[in-house]
Protein backbone atom coordinates (compact mmCIF):
# COMPACT_ATOMS: atom_id res chain seq x y z
CA MET A 1 0.54 -3.80 -20.44
CA ALA A 2 -1.19 -6.00 -17.87
CA ARG A 3 -4.77 -5.73 -16.71
CA ILE A 4 -5.36 -6.26 -12.99
CA VAL A 5 -8.60 -7.66 -11.64
CA LYS A 6 -8.85 -7.86 -7.84
CA THR A 7 -11.64 -9.79 -6.21
CA GLN A 8 -13.52 -8.32 -3.31
CA GLU A 9 -12.09 -9.07 0.11
CA MET A 10 -13.94 -11.73 2.07
CA LYS A 11 -14.04 -12.28 5.82
CA VAL A 12 -12.92 -15.73 6.96
CA ARG A 13 -15.66 -17.35 9.05
CA LYS A 14 -13.93 -20.67 9.80
CA VAL A 15 -10.54 -22.33 9.18
CA MET A 16 -9.91 -26.07 9.00
CA LEU A 17 -6.34 -27.39 8.85
CA SER A 18 -5.08 -30.77 7.70
CA ASN A 19 -1.61 -32.06 6.84
CA TRP A 20 -2.09 -31.10 3.19
CA LEU A 21 -4.87 -28.51 2.93
CA THR A 22 -6.01 -25.33 4.63
CA THR A 23 -9.74 -24.82 4.06
CA LEU A 24 -11.16 -21.31 4.47
CA PHE A 25 -14.93 -20.92 4.84
CA PHE A 26 -16.80 -17.72 3.98
CA GLY A 27 -20.40 -16.57 4.13
CA LYS A 28 -23.33 -17.82 6.13
CA LYS A 29 -23.62 -21.54 6.87
CA ASN A 30 -20.04 -22.00 5.53
CA LYS A 31 -21.26 -22.82 2.01
CA THR A 32 -18.47 -20.94 0.23
CA LYS A 33 -14.98 -22.33 0.75
CA VAL A 34 -11.46 -22.23 -0.67
CA GLU A 35 -8.95 -25.06 -0.30
CA ILE A 36 -5.29 -24.02 -0.41
CA PRO A 37 -2.27 -26.30 -0.01
CA THR A 38 -0.92 -25.84 3.53
CA ALA A 39 2.61 -25.54 2.11
CA ARG A 40 1.56 -22.22 0.52
CA PHE A 41 1.66 -20.68 4.02
CA ARG A 42 5.19 -21.97 4.83
CA GLY A 43 7.09 -19.21 6.64
CA THR A 44 4.24 -16.70 6.40
CA VAL A 45 1.11 -15.72 8.25
CA HIS A 46 -1.58 -18.41 8.55
CA PRO A 47 -5.21 -17.35 8.11
CA LYS A 48 -7.42 -17.23 11.19
CA LYS A 49 -11.11 -16.69 11.83
CA GLY A 50 -11.97 -13.02 11.30
CA ASP A 51 -9.11 -12.29 8.87
CA MET A 52 -9.78 -10.57 5.55
CA PHE A 53 -8.82 -12.71 2.52
CA ALA A 54 -8.37 -11.46 -1.05
CA LEU A 55 -7.11 -12.82 -4.37
CA GLU A 56 -5.64 -10.63 -7.10
CA GLN A 57 -5.45 -11.86 -10.69
CA VAL A 58 -3.07 -10.22 -13.16
CA PHE A 59 -3.76 -10.99 -16.83
CA HIS A 60 -0.62 -10.51 -18.96
CA ASP A 61 -0.61 -9.76 -22.69
CA ASN A 62 1.11 -13.07 -23.48
CA GLY A 63 -1.93 -14.96 -22.13
CA THR A 64 -0.55 -15.94 -18.73
CA VAL A 65 -2.35 -15.26 -15.46
CA GLU A 66 -0.61 -14.48 -12.18
CA VAL A 67 -2.56 -14.93 -8.94
CA ARG A 68 -1.54 -13.27 -5.69
CA MET A 69 -3.07 -13.98 -2.29
CA PHE A 70 -3.52 -11.44 0.52
CA ILE A 71 -4.45 -11.86 4.19
CA ASN A 72 -5.34 -8.63 6.00
CA GLY A 73 -3.74 -6.66 3.16
CA GLN A 74 -0.40 -8.50 3.49
CA GLU A 75 0.71 -10.57 0.50
CA VAL A 76 1.32 -14.26 1.23
CA ILE A 77 4.69 -15.32 -0.19
CA SER A 78 5.77 -18.78 0.91
CA LYS A 79 9.41 -19.58 1.63
CA PRO A 80 11.07 -22.33 -0.42
CA LEU A 81 11.99 -25.65 1.13
CA THR A 82 15.58 -25.97 2.28
CA ARG A 83 17.52 -29.08 3.12
CA LYS A 84 18.88 -29.48 6.62
CA GLY A 85 22.65 -29.31 6.78
CA THR A 86 23.12 -27.33 3.57
CA THR A 87 24.81 -23.96 3.48
CA GLU A 88 22.93 -22.49 0.51
């Protein structure tokens, strides 16, 4: 049996992108922020100003924690890297 705890959705006020990190700012004066590796959004939707962002934590009985990320209610699942020229 797993217990699910979902954080409240937050509205993205500002997005800053770099080669390695995507920084999402929330709240007034952009004091609350979350830094996520940019690779996490590979092949999926990228967050934009005005989007709703949520994290869901699933606590399993064996002590592990699974975290899922949602943007506008859609789960963010990144695609794996593939090598060019392979037929996998």
